């Protein structure tokens, strides 16, 4: 188990799926210990509101980023966010782009743990790779979330599985019209609609990875639709 941790860090999802772990005796106990260690090592920025929370927004930043700038604009730009508890996991910094799979296991565990016992409706969101990770977690646990806000997240072929939420979960997508992921956004919308998941695709002028402040009105519209409910 120590050798697995040395290689995988706190990425419990990778450990859980690992062929090496499945072959070990006492797998259930090893998984329990791995989960406990992951909970202890998870670094999270938590920003509660002044009063009783109206809900919780868990937000995943993208690669080569940190949660603090997102904390600022989420509070400032999203209507009603001042009354929400913000939960922002800190992703691991990487020296090189390792692909989506490198970050998903940790993100899956983080949001699985963080969504337990949060006040009010729990919304899940992210930008770029963080949005893709948010998709992955929502697909695994759709019943835990009221909605997903994806800012420039690429398409996942598994999005149709969100239908397990039976219409309770809504998905708001926001993309630049000239972004390389624009076609992914259209494909994601089609897949969600075919699965019967309430979904909205919003567009802003520009390409990929624009500043959130530059798309403030579009973000507000997407967030408002998400919170409006079925």
Protein backbone atom coordinates (compact mmCIF):
# COMPACT_ATOMS: atom_id res chain seq x y z
CA UNK A 1 0.00 0.00 0.00
CA UNK A 2 2.87 2.37 0.80
CA UNK A 3 4.33 1.72 -2.65
CA UNK A 4 0.97 2.53 -4.25
CA UNK A 5 0.68 5.77 -2.28
CA UNK A 6 4.21 6.73 -3.24
CA UNK A 7 3.20 6.46 -6.88
CA UNK A 8 -0.37 7.75 -6.74
CA UNK A 9 -0.26 10.28 -3.88
CA UNK A 10 -3.72 10.81 -2.42
CA UNK A 11 -5.51 9.87 -5.66
CA UNK A 12 -7.86 7.38 -4.04
CA UNK A 13 -9.87 6.86 -7.21
CA UNK A 14 -6.79 5.53 -8.99
CA UNK A 15 -5.98 3.30 -6.05
CA UNK A 16 -9.50 1.94 -5.94
CA UNK A 17 -9.32 0.96 -9.61
CA UNK A 18 -5.72 -0.26 -9.43
CA UNK A 19 -5.17 -3.86 -10.53
CA UNK A 20 -2.34 -4.07 -8.01
CA UNK A 21 -4.68 -3.08 -5.18
CA UNK A 22 -7.40 -5.48 -6.30
CA UNK A 23 -4.87 -8.32 -6.12
CA UNK A 24 -3.90 -7.57 -2.52
CA UNK A 25 -5.48 -9.51 0.37
CA UNK A 26 -7.75 -7.49 2.65
CA UNK A 27 -8.68 -5.06 -0.14
CA UNK A 28 -11.68 -3.59 1.71
CA UNK A 29 -9.52 -2.59 4.68
CA UNK A 30 -6.87 -1.15 2.39
CA UNK A 31 -9.49 0.93 0.59
CA UNK A 32 -10.84 2.18 3.92
CA UNK A 33 -7.35 3.22 5.02
CA UNK A 34 -6.66 4.85 1.65
CA UNK A 35 -9.86 6.87 1.92
CA UNK A 36 -9.00 7.97 5.46
CA UNK A 37 -5.55 9.10 4.37
CA UNK A 38 -7.00 10.97 1.41
CA UNK A 39 -9.40 12.84 3.69
CA UNK A 40 -6.53 13.88 5.95
CA UNK A 41 -4.31 15.07 3.09
CA UNK A 42 -6.96 17.00 1.19
CA UNK A 43 -6.29 20.75 1.18
CA UNK A 44 -9.41 22.85 0.75
CA UNK A 45 -10.23 26.55 0.89
CA UNK A 46 -13.56 26.97 2.68
CA UNK A 47 -15.27 30.37 2.67
CA UNK A 48 -18.53 30.41 4.68
CA UNK A 49 -21.05 33.27 4.38
CA UNK A 50 -21.72 35.70 7.21
CA UNK A 51 -25.04 34.06 8.11
CA UNK A 52 -26.77 30.75 7.58
CA UNK A 53 -25.73 29.30 4.19
CA UNK A 54 -28.37 29.17 1.47
CA UNK A 55 -26.40 26.39 -0.18
CA UNK A 56 -22.93 25.24 -1.13
CA UNK A 57 -20.87 25.79 -4.27
CA UNK A 58 -17.90 23.47 -4.74
CA UNK A 59 -15.58 24.89 -7.40
CA UNK A 60 -12.61 23.24 -9.14
CA UNK A 61 -9.94 25.43 -10.69
CA UNK A 62 -8.03 24.41 -13.82
CA UNK A 63 -4.44 23.32 -14.40
CA UNK A 64 -1.60 25.56 -13.21
CA UNK A 65 -4.04 27.57 -11.10
CA UNK A 66 -5.06 28.03 -7.48
CA UNK A 67 -8.39 28.57 -5.71
CA UNK A 68 -7.93 32.08 -4.28
CA UNK A 69 -8.66 34.10 -7.46
CA UNK A 70 -11.79 32.04 -8.04
CA UNK A 71 -12.95 32.69 -4.49
CA UNK A 72 -12.83 36.43 -5.24
CA UNK A 73 -14.79 36.48 -8.49
CA UNK A 74 -17.33 33.86 -7.43
CA UNK A 75 -18.30 36.03 -4.45
CA UNK A 76 -18.32 39.19 -6.54
CA UNK A 77 -19.99 38.09 -9.77
CA UNK A 78 -22.52 35.34 -9.03
CA UNK A 79 -25.90 36.62 -7.81
CA UNK A 80 -26.68 35.33 -4.34
CA UNK A 81 -23.21 33.83 -3.90
CA UNK A 82 -22.68 36.00 -0.81
CA UNK A 83 -25.11 33.67 0.97
CA UNK A 84 -23.40 30.49 -0.24
CA UNK A 85 -20.68 28.47 1.38
CA UNK A 86 -17.77 28.26 -1.07
CA UNK A 87 -15.63 25.13 -1.06
CA UNK A 88 -12.55 25.19 -3.30
CA UNK A 89 -10.23 22.16 -3.35
CA UNK A 90 -6.62 23.00 -4.11
CA UNK A 91 -5.42 20.91 -7.04
CA UNK A 92 -1.84 19.72 -7.31
CA UNK A 93 0.53 21.93 -9.31
CA UNK A 94 2.17 20.15 -12.23
CA UNK A 95 5.40 20.86 -14.04
CA UNK A 96 3.98 19.52 -17.28
CA UNK A 97 0.56 18.80 -18.72
CA UNK A 98 -0.26 15.22 -17.79
CA UNK A 99 -3.73 14.91 -19.30
CA UNK A 100 -7.12 14.81 -17.63
CA UNK A 101 -6.74 11.34 -16.13
CA UNK A 102 -3.85 12.52 -13.95
CA UNK A 103 -6.13 14.82 -11.95
CA UNK A 104 -9.50 13.11 -12.00
CA UNK A 105 -9.03 10.54 -9.22
CA UNK A 106 -8.09 13.18 -6.67
CA UNK A 107 -10.90 15.45 -7.82
CA UNK A 108 -13.41 12.61 -7.64
CA UNK A 109 -12.41 11.83 -4.09
CA UNK A 110 -12.30 15.47 -3.04
CA UNK A 111 -15.81 16.21 -4.21
CA UNK A 112 -17.16 12.90 -3.01
CA UNK A 113 -15.90 13.77 0.48
CA UNK A 114 -16.79 17.45 0.37
CA UNK A 115 -20.37 16.96 -0.78
CA UNK A 116 -21.19 14.96 2.36
CA UNK A 117 -23.19 16.97 4.87
CA UNK A 118 -23.01 20.36 3.14
CA UNK A 119 -25.81 22.86 3.92
CA UNK A 120 -28.60 23.48 1.43
CA UNK A 121 -28.43 22.47 -2.23
CA UNK A 122 -24.91 21.61 -3.38
CA UNK A 123 -23.76 22.94 -6.74
CA UNK A 124 -20.64 21.75 -8.49
CA UNK A 125 -18.60 23.80 -10.92
CA UNK A 126 -15.25 24.30 -12.50
CA UNK A 127 -13.24 25.85 -15.28
CA UNK A 128 -11.30 24.04 -18.02
CA UNK A 129 -9.86 20.81 -16.57
CA UNK A 130 -11.71 21.61 -13.36
CA UNK A 131 -14.99 21.60 -15.29
CA UNK A 132 -14.12 18.24 -16.82
CA UNK A 133 -13.39 16.88 -13.37
CA UNK A 134 -16.73 18.27 -12.19
CA UNK A 135 -18.44 16.31 -14.96
CA UNK A 136 -16.67 13.15 -13.84
CA UNK A 137 -17.74 13.54 -10.23
CA UNK A 138 -21.34 14.44 -11.12
CA UNK A 139 -21.54 11.34 -13.29
CA UNK A 140 -20.49 9.20 -10.34
CA UNK A 141 -22.71 10.93 -7.75
CA UNK A 142 -25.52 12.79 -9.54
CA UNK A 143 -27.89 12.46 -6.59
CA UNK A 144 -25.62 14.63 -4.43
CA UNK A 145 -25.72 17.74 -6.57
CA UNK A 146 -28.43 20.18 -7.60
CA UNK A 147 -26.51 21.37 -10.64
CA UNK A 148 -23.22 21.60 -12.51
CA UNK A 149 -21.72 24.80 -13.95
CA UNK A 150 -19.10 24.05 -16.60
CA UNK A 151 -16.93 26.92 -17.83
CA UNK A 152 -14.96 25.74 -20.89
CA UNK A 153 -15.12 22.07 -19.94
CA UNK A 154 -14.60 19.59 -22.75
CA UNK A 155 -17.05 16.88 -23.73
CA UNK A 156 -17.33 13.58 -21.83
CA UNK A 157 -18.92 10.60 -23.62
CA UNK A 158 -20.37 9.48 -20.27
CA UNK A 159 -22.56 12.56 -19.79
CA UNK A 160 -25.67 10.57 -20.63
CA UNK A 161 -25.26 8.70 -17.36
CA UNK A 162 -26.36 11.85 -15.54
CA UNK A 163 -29.90 10.74 -16.34
CA UNK A 164 -29.66 8.65 -13.17
CA UNK A 165 -30.44 11.88 -11.34
CA UNK A 166 -33.97 11.66 -12.83
CA UNK A 167 -34.10 15.30 -13.83
CA UNK A 168 -33.13 16.72 -10.41
CA UNK A 169 -29.69 17.76 -11.62
CA UNK A 170 -29.25 20.58 -14.15
CA UNK A 171 -26.17 21.35 -16.22
CA UNK A 172 -25.17 24.83 -17.41
CA UNK A 173 -22.38 25.01 -19.99
CA UNK A 174 -20.57 28.22 -20.95
CA UNK A 175 -18.12 28.41 -23.87
CA UNK A 176 -16.42 30.88 -26.16
CA UNK A 177 -17.76 30.92 -29.71
CA UNK A 178 -14.25 30.67 -31.18
CA UNK A 179 -12.94 28.23 -28.56
CA UNK A 180 -11.39 24.98 -29.72
CA UNK A 181 -13.86 23.22 -27.41
CA UNK A 182 -16.97 24.78 -29.01
CA UNK A 183 -17.82 21.57 -30.86
CA UNK A 184 -17.36 19.64 -27.61
CA UNK A 185 -19.91 21.93 -25.99
CA UNK A 186 -22.47 21.28 -28.72
CA UNK A 187 -21.88 17.53 -28.45
CA UNK A 188 -22.27 17.68 -24.67
CA UNK A 189 -25.56 19.56 -24.97
CA UNK A 190 -26.92 17.00 -27.44
CA UNK A 191 -25.92 14.09 -25.21
CA UNK A 192 -27.49 15.67 -22.14
CA UNK A 193 -30.72 16.51 -23.95
CA UNK A 194 -31.01 12.97 -25.33
CA UNK A 195 -30.59 11.66 -21.79
CA UNK A 196 -33.38 13.93 -20.53
CA UNK A 197 -31.07 16.05 -18.37
CA UNK A 198 -32.07 19.75 -18.22
CA UNK A 199 -29.16 21.57 -19.87
CA UNK A 200 -28.33 25.06 -21.10
CA UNK A 201 -25.47 26.10 -23.38
CA UNK A 202 -24.42 29.74 -23.20
CA UNK A 203 -21.94 31.48 -25.49
CA UNK A 204 -19.64 34.44 -25.07
CA UNK A 205 -17.52 36.28 -27.61
CA UNK A 206 -13.96 35.06 -27.67
CA UNK A 207 -11.90 31.92 -27.39
CA UNK A 208 -10.70 29.56 -24.71
CA UNK A 209 -9.57 30.56 -21.20
CA UNK A 210 -10.84 34.11 -20.99
CA UNK A 211 -10.96 35.93 -17.67
CA UNK A 212 -14.14 35.31 -15.69
CA UNK A 213 -14.61 39.07 -15.34
CA UNK A 214 -14.86 39.31 -19.14
CA UNK A 215 -17.87 36.99 -19.25
CA UNK A 216 -19.58 38.23 -16.09
CA UNK A 217 -23.05 38.66 -17.59
CA UNK A 218 -22.97 35.26 -19.26
CA UNK A 219 -21.87 33.64 -16.00
CA UNK A 220 -24.66 35.36 -14.11
CA UNK A 221 -27.23 34.12 -16.62
CA UNK A 222 -25.92 30.54 -16.43
CA UNK A 223 -25.87 30.59 -12.62
CA UNK A 224 -29.35 32.07 -12.44
CA UNK A 225 -30.74 29.39 -14.73
CA UNK A 226 -29.00 26.68 -12.72
CA UNK A 227 -30.52 27.87 -9.46
CA UNK A 228 -34.00 28.34 -10.91
CA UNK A 229 -34.60 24.60 -10.71
CA UNK A 230 -36.81 22.42 -12.88
